[in-house]
Amino acid sequence: MPDVKHFCESFPRVIDWHEILMQSKSHMENATPSKTLVKALRQVLHPLVRLMLANGVTYPFLIELLKSVFVAVAEREFRIGDKPQTDSRISLLTGVHRKDVRRLRQIARGPAETTPATISLGAQLVAVWTGSPQYLDPDGHPLPLARLASVAGELSFESLVASVSKDIRSRAVLDEWLRLGVVRLDDEDRVVLNTEAFVPQKGFDEKMFYFGHNLHDHIAAAAHNVMGQGAPYLERSVHYDGLDGRSMFDLAELAERAGMQAALTVNRKAMELEKRDVTSTEPKQRITFGIYFYSEPADSEIKHGHE
């Protein structure tokens, strides 16, 4: 029979995994992020907090929302190989209490959110309108379209809608787009695309969808580049702080023209490639190509309270 006393003396310290877990958690909670990261996060959060305060999102509500995001990201993107994530490990990674982790993981198992049907259809319609040669003038800009196919045949708004969906009447789409400010009717009763991209001027829910989609992809590209995980994504900007108001407006107009031309060019090429890739057996990828322009007083960074 083995000498139990000798066996225990050979391993004088029994591994206490709970103790290790608590020590690791304490160490992670006391870890201090770099000052440059904190400054960057403050800059990113400032306009988001302004938007939240303007729409009644309070600090306690945000904390609960942040908990759910921390848990979701830790569960999906910080796995160890093929091992299933446990509540304890997610709690260790995030600092969220294990009871909250369990509750939030159960909530996350509910039905997944999907793109609203009206937005999905609208994006497809605008892509066709701005990317198909028959709907473009010689300069590559979207043509005004007669409302009815009985007036202009294939070059009509009715035919455009029918080319994307046979289930929705063009009149319903037109009424909604007029409400949102995506299109207008000219003196000849033709439908004119206002923005050359599906970015509604009205309609809070529609604008919030694109706010989340576009800002997520921009930050995701920038974060990917900072973390150095693979080849960098395109993420460039030009910035000056010695301009007067007139020069700012001149540059805004230039950026609008150049940016929309770039967007239309990428859209046309993407439509061409998507048609080619229909028969491809490779996993499908999604892309976002974005453009933005912003201006504010040159001393506003001081007002933001940056460290």
C-alpha atoms as a PDB file:
ATOM      1  CA  MET A   1       0.000   0.000   0.000  1.00  0.00           C
ATOM      2  CA  PRO A   2       1.452   3.425  -0.900  1.00  0.00           C
ATOM      3  CA  ASP A   3       2.740   5.613   1.917  1.00  0.00           C
ATOM      4  CA  VAL A   4       0.042   8.324   1.979  1.00  0.00           C
ATOM      5  CA  LYS A   5       2.115  10.599   4.206  1.00  0.00           C
ATOM      6  CA  HIS A   6       5.104  10.377   1.853  1.00  0.00           C
ATOM      7  CA  PHE A   7       2.840  11.019  -1.164  1.00  0.00           C
ATOM      8  CA  CYS A   8       1.400  14.172   0.419  1.00  0.00           C
ATOM      9  CA  GLU A   9       4.842  15.402   1.484  1.00  0.00           C
ATOM     10  CA  SER A  10       6.014  15.038  -2.117  1.00  0.00           C
ATOM     11  CA  PHE A  11       3.299  17.518  -3.064  1.00  0.00           C
ATOM     12  CA  PRO A  12       3.284  19.751  -0.004  1.00  0.00           C
ATOM     13  CA  ARG A  13       1.009  22.362  -1.630  1.00  0.00           C
ATOM     14  CA  VAL A  14      -2.391  21.268  -2.859  1.00  0.00           C
ATOM     15  CA  ILE A  15      -3.460  23.373  -5.863  1.00  0.00           C
ATOM     16  CA  ASP A  16      -6.354  25.617  -4.866  1.00  0.00           C
ATOM     17  CA  TRP A  17      -7.880  26.608  -8.205  1.00  0.00           C
ATOM     18  CA  HIS A  18     -10.415  28.875  -6.545  1.00  0.00           C
ATOM     19  CA  GLU A  19      -7.575  30.790  -4.888  1.00  0.00           C
ATOM     20  CA  ILE A  20      -5.712  31.083  -8.203  1.00  0.00           C
ATOM     21  CA  LEU A  21      -8.868  32.284  -9.921  1.00  0.00           C
ATOM     22  CA  MET A  22      -9.477  34.948  -7.267  1.00  0.00           C
ATOM     23  CA  GLN A  23      -5.848  36.103  -7.373  1.00  0.00           C
ATOM     24  CA  SER A  24      -5.920  36.356 -11.161  1.00  0.00           C
ATOM     25  CA  LYS A  25      -9.199  38.218 -11.063  1.00  0.00           C
ATOM     26  CA  SER A  26      -7.837  40.642  -8.457  1.00  0.00           C
ATOM     27  CA  HIS A  27      -4.736  41.217 -10.588  1.00  0.00           C
ATOM     28  CA  MET A  28      -6.803  41.910 -13.697  1.00  0.00           C
ATOM     29  CA  GLU A  29      -9.135  44.279 -11.835  1.00  0.00           C
ATOM     30  CA  ASN A  30      -6.149  46.232 -10.502  1.00  0.00           C
ATOM     31  CA  ALA A  31      -4.402  46.366 -13.881  1.00  0.00           C
ATOM     32  CA  THR A  32      -4.172  49.903 -15.263  1.00  0.00           C
ATOM     33  CA  PRO A  33      -4.649  50.398 -19.023  1.00  0.00           C
ATOM     34  CA  SER A  34      -2.155  52.618 -20.822  1.00  0.00           C
ATOM     35  CA  LYS A  35      -2.768  56.364 -20.654  1.00  0.00           C
ATOM     36  CA  THR A  36      -2.860  56.614 -24.443  1.00  0.00           C
ATOM     37  CA  LEU A  37      -5.595  53.962 -24.614  1.00  0.00           C
ATOM     38  CA  VAL A  38      -7.625  55.742 -21.923  1.00  0.00           C
ATOM     39  CA  LYS A  39      -7.286  59.054 -23.783  1.00  0.00           C
ATOM     40  CA  ALA A  40      -8.405  57.453 -27.044  1.00  0.00           C
ATOM     41  CA  LEU A  41     -11.386  55.789 -25.350  1.00  0.00           C
ATOM     42  CA  ARG A  42     -12.394  59.120 -23.809  1.00  0.00           C
ATOM     43  CA  GLN A  43     -12.383  60.696 -27.273  1.00  0.00           C
ATOM     44  CA  VAL A  44     -14.472  57.870 -28.721  1.00  0.00           C
ATOM     45  CA  LEU A  45     -16.971  57.913 -25.845  1.00  0.00           C
ATOM     46  CA  HIS A  46     -17.525  61.686 -25.750  1.00  0.00           C
ATOM     47  CA  PRO A  47     -19.849  61.954 -28.794  1.00  0.00           C
ATOM     48  CA  LEU A  48     -21.527  58.660 -27.851  1.00  0.00           C
ATOM     49  CA  VAL A  49     -22.338  59.942 -24.364  1.00  0.00           C
ATOM     50  CA  ARG A  50     -23.646  63.181 -25.878  1.00  0.00           C
ATOM     51  CA  LEU A  51     -25.986  61.154 -28.100  1.00  0.00           C
ATOM     52  CA  MET A  52     -27.067  58.984 -25.172  1.00  0.00           C
ATOM     53  CA  LEU A  53     -27.837  61.930 -22.903  1.00  0.00           C
ATOM     54  CA  ALA A  54     -29.822  63.596 -25.686  1.00  0.00           C
ATOM     55  CA  ASN A  55     -31.958  60.445 -25.961  1.00  0.00           C
ATOM     56  CA  GLY A  56     -32.503  59.585 -22.305  1.00  0.00           C
ATOM     57  CA  VAL A  57     -29.879  56.845 -21.935  1.00  0.00           C
ATOM     58  CA  THR A  58     -28.712  57.039 -18.325  1.00  0.00           C
ATOM     59  CA  TYR A  59     -25.501  55.822 -16.697  1.00  0.00           C
ATOM     60  CA  PRO A  60     -27.170  52.811 -14.948  1.00  0.00           C
ATOM     61  CA  PHE A  61     -28.726  51.734 -18.267  1.00  0.00           C
ATOM     62  CA  LEU A  62     -25.350  52.045 -20.003  1.00  0.00           C
ATOM     63  CA  ILE A  63     -23.641  49.954 -17.320  1.00  0.00           C
ATOM     64  CA  GLU A  64     -26.105  47.105 -17.880  1.00  0.00           C
ATOM     65  CA  LEU A  65     -25.617  47.411 -21.626  1.00  0.00           C
ATOM     66  CA  LEU A  66     -21.826  47.355 -21.236  1.00  0.00           C
ATOM     67  CA  LYS A  67     -22.033  44.232 -19.097  1.00  0.00           C
ATOM     68  CA  SER A  68     -23.913  42.392 -21.820  1.00  0.00           C
ATOM     69  CA  VAL A  69     -21.422  43.504 -24.492  1.00  0.00           C
ATOM     70  CA  PHE A  70     -18.400  42.521 -22.370  1.00  0.00           C
ATOM     71  CA  VAL A  71     -19.914  39.072 -21.783  1.00  0.00           C
ATOM     72  CA  ALA A  72     -20.838  38.593 -25.453  1.00  0.00           C
ATOM     73  CA  VAL A  73     -17.376  39.581 -26.733  1.00  0.00           C
ATOM     74  CA  ALA A  74     -15.554  37.471 -24.154  1.00  0.00           C
ATOM     75  CA  GLU A  75     -17.698  34.437 -24.955  1.00  0.00           C
ATOM     76  CA  ARG A  76     -17.350  34.729 -28.720  1.00  0.00           C
ATOM     77  CA  GLU A  77     -13.833  36.039 -29.279  1.00  0.00           C
ATOM     78  CA  PHE A  78     -11.687  35.007 -26.300  1.00  0.00           C
ATOM     79  CA  ARG A  79     -12.053  31.244 -26.308  1.00  0.00           C
ATOM     80  CA  ILE A  80      -9.160  28.893 -25.629  1.00  0.00           C
ATOM     81  CA  GLY A  81      -9.125  26.592 -28.618  1.00  0.00           C
ATOM     82  CA  ASP A  82     -12.313  24.528 -28.824  1.00  0.00           C
ATOM     83  CA  LYS A  83     -12.961  24.585 -25.081  1.00  0.00           C
ATOM     84  CA  PRO A  84     -16.419  25.838 -24.098  1.00  0.00           C
ATOM     85  CA  GLN A  85     -16.478  29.123 -22.223  1.00  0.00           C
ATOM     86  CA  THR A  86     -17.484  28.908 -18.577  1.00  0.00           C
ATOM     87  CA  ASP A  87     -19.186  31.564 -16.473  1.00  0.00           C
ATOM     88  CA  SER A  88     -16.113  31.680 -14.237  1.00  0.00           C
ATOM     89  CA  ARG A  89     -13.677  32.349 -17.075  1.00  0.00           C
ATOM     90  CA  ILE A  90     -15.878  35.054 -18.594  1.00  0.00           C
ATOM     91  CA  SER A  91     -16.171  36.625 -15.149  1.00  0.00           C
ATOM     92  CA  LEU A  92     -12.378  36.515 -14.837  1.00  0.00           C
ATOM     93  CA  LEU A  93     -11.857  38.129 -18.242  1.00  0.00           C
ATOM     94  CA  THR A  94     -14.476  40.850 -17.916  1.00  0.00           C
ATOM     95  CA  GLY A  95     -14.769  41.652 -14.223  1.00  0.00           C
ATOM     96  CA  VAL A  96     -18.532  41.081 -14.475  1.00  0.00           C
ATOM     97  CA  HIS A  97     -19.946  39.133 -11.519  1.00  0.00           C
ATOM     98  CA  ARG A  98     -20.506  35.460 -12.264  1.00  0.00           C
ATOM     99  CA  LYS A  99     -24.241  35.696 -11.442  1.00  0.00           C
ATOM    100  CA  ASP A 100     -24.600  38.488 -13.982  1.00  0.00           C
ATOM    101  CA  VAL A 101     -22.594  36.494 -16.516  1.00  0.00           C
ATOM    102  CA  ARG A 102     -24.952  33.519 -16.151  1.00  0.00           C
ATOM    103  CA  ARG A 103     -28.028  35.749 -16.479  1.00  0.00           C
ATOM    104  CA  LEU A 104     -26.715  37.640 -19.511  1.00  0.00           C
ATOM    105  CA  ARG A 105     -25.625  34.473 -21.309  1.00  0.00           C
ATOM    106  CA  GLN A 106     -29.135  33.083 -20.922  1.00  0.00           C
ATOM    107  CA  ILE A 107     -30.646  36.261 -22.350  1.00  0.00           C
ATOM    108  CA  ALA A 108     -28.206  36.154 -25.280  1.00  0.00           C
ATOM    109  CA  ARG A 109     -29.491  32.700 -26.257  1.00  0.00           C
ATOM    110  CA  GLY A 110     -32.765  34.293 -27.364  1.00  0.00           C
ATOM    111  CA  PRO A 111     -33.659  35.095 -30.996  1.00  0.00           C
ATOM    112  CA  ALA A 112     -30.905  36.983 -32.844  1.00  0.00           C
ATOM    113  CA  GLU A 113     -31.564  40.485 -34.123  1.00  0.00           C
ATOM    114  CA  THR A 114     -31.889  40.825 -37.884  1.00  0.00           C
ATOM    115  CA  THR A 115     -31.695  43.695 -40.318  1.00  0.00           C
ATOM    116  CA  PRO A 116     -35.121  45.382 -40.639  1.00  0.00           C
ATOM    117  CA  ALA A 117     -36.756  44.316 -43.901  1.00  0.00           C
ATOM    118  CA  THR A 118     -37.379  47.885 -45.068  1.00  0.00           C
ATOM    119  CA  ILE A 119     -33.717  48.786 -44.637  1.00  0.00           C
ATOM    120  CA  SER A 120     -32.476  45.628 -46.336  1.00  0.00           C
ATOM    121  CA  LEU A 121     -34.739  46.255 -49.326  1.00  0.00           C
ATOM    122  CA  GLY A 122     -33.822  49.931 -49.447  1.00  0.00           C
ATOM    123  CA  ALA A 123     -30.110  49.208 -49.469  1.00  0.00           C
ATOM    124  CA  GLN A 124     -30.557  46.761 -52.354  1.00  0.00           C
ATOM    125  CA  LEU A 125     -32.631  49.262 -54.343  1.00  0.00           C
ATOM    126  CA  VAL A 126     -30.115  52.069 -53.930  1.00  0.00           C
ATOM    127  CA  ALA A 127     -27.254  49.717 -54.830  1.00  0.00           C
ATOM    128  CA  VAL A 128     -28.988  48.817 -58.099  1.00  0.00           C
ATOM    129  CA  TRP A 129     -29.985  52.425 -58.826  1.00  0.00           C
ATOM    130  CA  THR A 130     -26.439  53.730 -58.287  1.00  0.00           C
ATOM    131  CA  GLY A 131     -24.608  50.720 -59.721  1.00  0.00           C
ATOM    132  CA  SER A 132     -26.457  49.560 -62.840  1.00  0.00           C
ATOM    133  CA  PRO A 133     -25.482  51.334 -66.103  1.00  0.00           C
ATOM    134  CA  GLN A 134     -29.078  51.615 -67.342  1.00  0.00           C
ATOM    135  CA  TYR A 135     -29.996  53.772 -64.342  1.00  0.00           C
ATOM    136  CA  LEU A 136     -27.001  56.132 -64.672  1.00  0.00           C
ATOM    137  CA  ASP A 137     -26.328  59.247 -66.772  1.00  0.00           C
ATOM    138  CA  PRO A 138     -23.077  59.634 -68.803  1.00  0.00           C
ATOM    139  CA  ASP A 139     -21.321  61.033 -65.701  1.00  0.00           C
ATOM    140  CA  GLY A 140     -22.270  57.997 -63.618  1.00  0.00           C
ATOM    141  CA  HIS A 141     -24.951  59.747 -61.533  1.00  0.00           C
ATOM    142  CA  PRO A 142     -28.346  58.126 -60.809  1.00  0.00           C
ATOM    143  CA  LEU A 143     -31.005  59.155 -63.310  1.00  0.00           C
ATOM    144  CA  PRO A 144     -34.392  60.533 -62.219  1.00  0.00           C
ATOM    145  CA  LEU A 145     -36.926  57.759 -62.795  1.00  0.00           C
ATOM    146  CA  ALA A 146     -40.532  57.996 -63.894  1.00  0.00           C
ATOM    147  CA  ARG A 147     -42.807  56.600 -61.206  1.00  0.00           C
ATOM    148  CA  LEU A 148     -44.638  54.086 -63.393  1.00  0.00           C
ATOM    149  CA  ALA A 149     -43.521  51.403 -65.825  1.00  0.00           C
ATOM    150  CA  SER A 150     -46.418  52.368 -68.104  1.00  0.00           C
ATOM    151  CA  VAL A 151     -44.643  55.704 -68.685  1.00  0.00           C
ATOM    152  CA  ALA A 152     -40.988  54.691 -69.026  1.00  0.00           C
ATOM    153  CA  GLY A 153     -40.842  50.897 -69.084  1.00  0.00           C
ATOM    154  CA  GLU A 154     -37.654  49.484 -67.578  1.00  0.00           C
ATOM    155  CA  LEU A 155     -36.338  52.949 -66.732  1.00  0.00           C
ATOM    156  CA  SER A 156     -38.977  53.555 -64.084  1.00  0.00           C
ATOM    157  CA  PHE A 157     -39.103  53.449 -60.310  1.00  0.00           C
ATOM    158  CA  GLU A 158     -41.762  50.754 -60.519  1.00  0.00           C
ATOM    159  CA  SER A 159     -39.481  48.526 -62.612  1.00  0.00           C
ATOM    160  CA  LEU A 160     -36.547  49.226 -60.296  1.00  0.00           C
ATOM    161  CA  VAL A 161     -38.516  47.971 -57.290  1.00  0.00           C
ATOM    162  CA  ALA A 162     -39.790  44.951 -59.234  1.00  0.00           C
ATOM    163  CA  SER A 163     -36.210  44.022 -60.198  1.00  0.00           C
ATOM    164  CA  VAL A 164     -35.346  43.619 -56.512  1.00  0.00           C
ATOM    165  CA  SER A 165     -38.614  42.351 -55.019  1.00  0.00           C
ATOM    166  CA  LYS A 166     -41.884  41.149 -56.518  1.00  0.00           C
ATOM    167  CA  ASP A 167     -43.567  41.136 -53.098  1.00  0.00           C
ATOM    168  CA  ILE A 168     -43.616  44.881 -52.327  1.00  0.00           C
ATOM    169  CA  ARG A 169     -45.444  47.491 -54.354  1.00  0.00           C
ATOM    170  CA  SER A 170     -43.395  50.406 -55.626  1.00  0.00           C
ATOM    171  CA  ARG A 171     -45.982  52.871 -54.271  1.00  0.00           C
ATOM    172  CA  ALA A 172     -45.386  51.644 -50.715  1.00  0.00           C
ATOM    173  CA  VAL A 173     -41.619  52.047 -51.134  1.00  0.00           C
ATOM    174  CA  LEU A 174     -42.028  55.502 -52.674  1.00  0.00           C
ATOM    175  CA  ASP A 175     -44.287  56.744 -49.871  1.00  0.00           C
ATOM    176  CA  GLU A 176     -41.837  55.532 -47.233  1.00  0.00           C
ATOM    177  CA  TRP A 177     -38.824  57.025 -49.023  1.00  0.00           C
ATOM    178  CA  LEU A 178     -40.584  60.358 -49.430  1.00  0.00           C
ATOM    179  CA  ARG A 179     -41.291  60.326 -45.689  1.00  0.00           C
ATOM    180  CA  LEU A 180     -37.663  59.534 -44.882  1.00  0.00           C
ATOM    181  CA  GLY A 181     -36.249  62.053 -47.340  1.00  0.00           C
ATOM    182  CA  VAL A 182     -34.377  59.449 -49.377  1.00  0.00           C
ATOM    183  CA  VAL A 183     -36.067  60.614 -52.588  1.00  0.00           C
ATOM    184  CA  ARG A 184     -38.108  63.571 -53.860  1.00  0.00           C
ATOM    185  CA  LEU A 185     -40.421  64.167 -56.826  1.00  0.00           C
ATOM    186  CA  ASP A 186     -39.322  66.742 -59.409  1.00  0.00           C
ATOM    187  CA  ASP A 187     -41.492  68.992 -61.581  1.00  0.00           C
ATOM    188  CA  GLU A 188     -41.929  66.162 -64.114  1.00  0.00           C
ATOM    189  CA  ASP A 189     -43.194  63.755 -61.421  1.00  0.00           C
ATOM    190  CA  ARG A 190     -39.969  61.759 -61.602  1.00  0.00           C
ATOM    191  CA  VAL A 191     -38.403  60.092 -58.563  1.00  0.00           C
ATOM    192  CA  VAL A 192     -35.034  61.671 -57.743  1.00  0.00           C
ATOM    193  CA  LEU A 193     -32.543  60.055 -55.363  1.00  0.00           C
ATOM    194  CA  ASN A 194     -31.506  62.757 -52.896  1.00  0.00           C
ATOM    195  CA  THR A 195     -28.385  61.378 -51.276  1.00  0.00           C
ATOM    196  CA  GLU A 196     -27.033  58.805 -53.749  1.00  0.00           C
ATOM    197  CA  ALA A 197     -26.914  56.403 -50.823  1.00  0.00           C
ATOM    198  CA  PHE A 198     -29.534  54.985 -48.494  1.00  0.00           C
ATOM    199  CA  VAL A 199     -28.988  57.357 -45.574  1.00  0.00           C
ATOM    200  CA  PRO A 200     -32.421  58.601 -44.471  1.00  0.00           C
ATOM    201  CA  GLN A 201     -32.717  62.247 -43.449  1.00  0.00           C
ATOM    202  CA  LYS A 202     -35.736  61.405 -41.301  1.00  0.00           C
ATOM    203  CA  GLY A 203     -36.821  58.306 -39.426  1.00  0.00           C
ATOM    204  CA  PHE A 204     -35.009  57.715 -36.132  1.00  0.00           C
ATOM    205  CA  ASP A 205     -35.014  53.911 -36.293  1.00  0.00           C
ATOM    206  CA  GLU A 206     -33.605  53.902 -39.822  1.00  0.00           C
ATOM    207  CA  LYS A 207     -30.864  56.375 -38.950  1.00  0.00           C
ATOM    208  CA  MET A 208     -29.969  54.411 -35.823  1.00  0.00           C
ATOM    209  CA  PHE A 209     -29.535  51.232 -37.849  1.00  0.00           C
ATOM    210  CA  TYR A 210     -26.947  52.883 -40.077  1.00  0.00           C
ATOM    211  CA  PHE A 211     -25.365  54.665 -37.130  1.00  0.00           C
ATOM    212  CA  GLY A 212     -24.683  51.317 -35.475  1.00  0.00           C
ATOM    213  CA  HIS A 213     -23.668  49.523 -38.662  1.00  0.00           C
ATOM    214  CA  ASN A 214     -21.285  52.163 -39.998  1.00  0.00           C
ATOM    215  CA  LEU A 215     -19.708  53.147 -36.692  1.00  0.00           C
ATOM    216  CA  HIS A 216     -19.204  49.503 -35.724  1.00  0.00           C
ATOM    217  CA  ASP A 217     -17.355  48.709 -38.932  1.00  0.00           C
ATOM    218  CA  HIS A 218     -15.210  51.846 -38.765  1.00  0.00           C
ATOM    219  CA  ILE A 219     -14.172  51.168 -35.158  1.00  0.00           C
ATOM    220  CA  ALA A 220     -13.709  47.451 -35.900  1.00  0.00           C
ATOM    221  CA  ALA A 221     -11.289  48.282 -38.736  1.00  0.00           C
ATOM    222  CA  ALA A 222      -9.350  50.751 -36.566  1.00  0.00           C
ATOM    223  CA  ALA A 223      -9.219  48.337 -33.598  1.00  0.00           C
ATOM    224  CA  HIS A 224      -8.016  45.540 -35.902  1.00  0.00           C
ATOM    225  CA  ASN A 225      -5.199  47.780 -37.118  1.00  0.00           C
ATOM    226  CA  VAL A 226      -4.188  48.822 -33.588  1.00  0.00           C
ATOM    227  CA  MET A 227      -4.078  45.206 -32.384  1.00  0.00           C
ATOM    228  CA  GLY A 228      -2.042  44.159 -35.433  1.00  0.00           C
ATOM    229  CA  GLN A 229      -4.086  41.039 -36.135  1.00  0.00           C
ATOM    230  CA  GLY A 230      -3.322  40.435 -39.784  1.00  0.00           C
ATOM    231  CA  ALA A 231      -3.051  42.768 -42.759  1.00  0.00           C
ATOM    232  CA  PRO A 232      -4.326  46.278 -41.932  1.00  0.00           C
ATOM    233  CA  TYR A 233      -7.636  47.575 -43.273  1.00  0.00           C
ATOM    234  CA  LEU A 234      -7.986  50.844 -45.150  1.00  0.00           C
ATOM    235  CA  GLU A 235      -8.490  53.539 -42.487  1.00  0.00           C
ATOM    236  CA  ARG A 236      -7.155  56.966 -43.410  1.00  0.00           C
ATOM    237  CA  SER A 237      -8.018  60.586 -42.701  1.00  0.00           C
ATOM    238  CA  VAL A 238      -6.836  64.126 -43.471  1.00  0.00           C
ATOM    239  CA  HIS A 239      -7.037  66.718 -40.687  1.00  0.00           C
ATOM    240  CA  TYR A 240      -6.174  70.423 -40.381  1.00  0.00           C
ATOM    241  CA  ASP A 241      -6.880  72.941 -37.613  1.00  0.00           C
ATOM    242  CA  GLY A 242      -6.008  76.332 -39.159  1.00  0.00           C
ATOM    243  CA  LEU A 243      -8.990  76.895 -41.465  1.00  0.00           C
ATOM    244  CA  ASP A 244     -11.670  79.574 -41.389  1.00  0.00           C
ATOM    245  CA  GLY A 245     -15.366  78.955 -42.016  1.00  0.00           C
ATOM    246  CA  ARG A 246     -15.260  79.632 -45.758  1.00  0.00           C
ATOM    247  CA  SER A 247     -12.377  77.223 -46.303  1.00  0.00           C
ATOM    248  CA  MET A 248     -14.160  74.584 -44.205  1.00  0.00           C
ATOM    249  CA  PHE A 249     -17.236  74.813 -46.453  1.00  0.00           C
ATOM    250  CA  ASP A 250     -15.075  74.624 -49.590  1.00  0.00           C
ATOM    251  CA  LEU A 251     -13.457  71.456 -48.303  1.00  0.00           C
ATOM    252  CA  ALA A 252     -16.832  70.027 -47.255  1.00  0.00           C
ATOM    253  CA  GLU A 253     -18.123  70.429 -50.812  1.00  0.00           C
ATOM    254  CA  LEU A 254     -14.953  68.894 -52.262  1.00  0.00           C
ATOM    255  CA  ALA A 255     -15.170  65.968 -49.841  1.00  0.00           C
ATOM    256  CA  GLU A 256     -18.838  65.434 -50.769  1.00  0.00           C
ATOM    257  CA  ARG A 257     -18.078  65.256 -54.488  1.00  0.00           C
ATOM    258  CA  ALA A 258     -14.919  63.161 -54.209  1.00  0.00           C
ATOM    259  CA  GLY A 259     -16.399  60.889 -51.552  1.00  0.00           C
ATOM    260  CA  MET A 260     -19.587  60.154 -53.454  1.00  0.00           C
ATOM    261  CA  GLN A 261     -17.611  59.423 -56.607  1.00  0.00           C
ATOM    262  CA  ALA A 262     -15.488  56.935 -54.671  1.00  0.00           C
ATOM    263  CA  ALA A 263     -18.580  55.340 -53.119  1.00  0.00           C
ATOM    264  CA  LEU A 264     -20.307  54.979 -56.495  1.00  0.00           C
ATOM    265  CA  THR A 265     -17.186  53.457 -58.041  1.00  0.00           C
ATOM    266  CA  VAL A 266     -16.835  50.866 -55.259  1.00  0.00           C
ATOM    267  CA  ASN A 267     -20.574  50.131 -55.395  1.00  0.00           C
ATOM    268  CA  ARG A 268     -20.532  49.424 -59.137  1.00  0.00           C
ATOM    269  CA  LYS A 269     -17.521  47.130 -58.822  1.00  0.00           C
ATOM    270  CA  ALA A 270     -19.054  45.330 -55.828  1.00  0.00           C
ATOM    271  CA  MET A 271     -22.267  44.656 -57.771  1.00  0.00           C
ATOM    272  CA  GLU A 272     -20.240  43.235 -60.655  1.00  0.00           C
ATOM    273  CA  LEU A 273     -18.200  40.966 -58.388  1.00  0.00           C
ATOM    274  CA  GLU A 274     -21.212  39.807 -56.371  1.00  0.00           C
ATOM    275  CA  LYS A 275     -22.887  38.592 -59.554  1.00  0.00           C
ATOM    276  CA  ARG A 276     -19.711  36.751 -60.499  1.00  0.00           C
ATOM    277  CA  ASP A 277     -19.420  35.164 -57.033  1.00  0.00           C
ATOM    278  CA  VAL A 278     -22.925  33.684 -56.963  1.00  0.00           C
ATOM    279  CA  THR A 279     -21.579  30.303 -58.068  1.00  0.00           C
ATOM    280  CA  SER A 280     -18.490  30.429 -55.851  1.00  0.00           C
ATOM    281  CA  THR A 281     -18.258  27.757 -53.138  1.00  0.00           C
ATOM    282  CA  GLU A 282     -15.966  29.866 -50.927  1.00  0.00           C
ATOM    283  CA  PRO A 283     -17.407  31.281 -47.668  1.00  0.00           C
ATOM    284  CA  LYS A 284     -19.124  34.609 -48.318  1.00  0.00           C
ATOM    285  CA  GLN A 285     -17.668  37.821 -46.916  1.00  0.00           C
ATOM    286  CA  ARG A 286     -19.306  41.192 -46.269  1.00  0.00           C
ATOM    287  CA  ILE A 287     -17.577  44.549 -46.736  1.00  0.00           C
ATOM    288  CA  THR A 288     -18.188  48.160 -45.799  1.00  0.00           C
ATOM    289  CA  PHE A 289     -16.557  51.103 -47.559  1.00  0.00           C
ATOM    290  CA  GLY A 290     -17.270  54.355 -45.729  1.00  0.00           C
ATOM    291  CA  ILE A 291     -16.702  58.068 -46.097  1.00  0.00           C
ATOM    292  CA  TYR A 292     -17.183  60.820 -43.546  1.00  0.00           C
ATOM    293  CA  PHE A 293     -16.447  64.504 -43.037  1.00  0.00           C
ATOM    294  CA  TYR A 294     -16.518  66.375 -39.720  1.00  0.00           C
ATOM    295  CA  SER A 295     -15.639  69.875 -38.496  1.00  0.00           C
ATOM    296  CA  GLU A 296     -15.729  71.723 -35.180  1.00  0.00           C
ATOM    297  CA  PRO A 297     -13.888  74.630 -33.490  1.00  0.00           C
ATOM    298  CA  ALA A 298     -10.154  73.970 -33.318  1.00  0.00           C
ATOM    299  CA  ASP A 299     -10.065  74.366 -29.511  1.00  0.00           C
ATOM    300  CA  SER A 300     -12.856  71.853 -28.887  1.00  0.00           C
ATOM    301  CA  GLU A 301     -10.435  69.121 -27.771  1.00  0.00           C
ATOM    302  CA  ILE A 302      -9.703  71.203 -24.666  1.00  0.00           C
ATOM    303  CA  LYS A 303     -13.432  71.516 -24.006  1.00  0.00           C
ATOM    304  CA  HIS A 304     -13.755  67.726 -24.182  1.00  0.00           C
ATOM    305  CA  GLY A 305     -11.562  67.444 -21.119  1.00  0.00           C
ATOM    306  CA  HIS A 306      -8.994  65.106 -22.679  1.00  0.00           C
ATOM    307  CA  GLU A 307      -6.197  64.001 -20.397  1.00  0.00           C
END
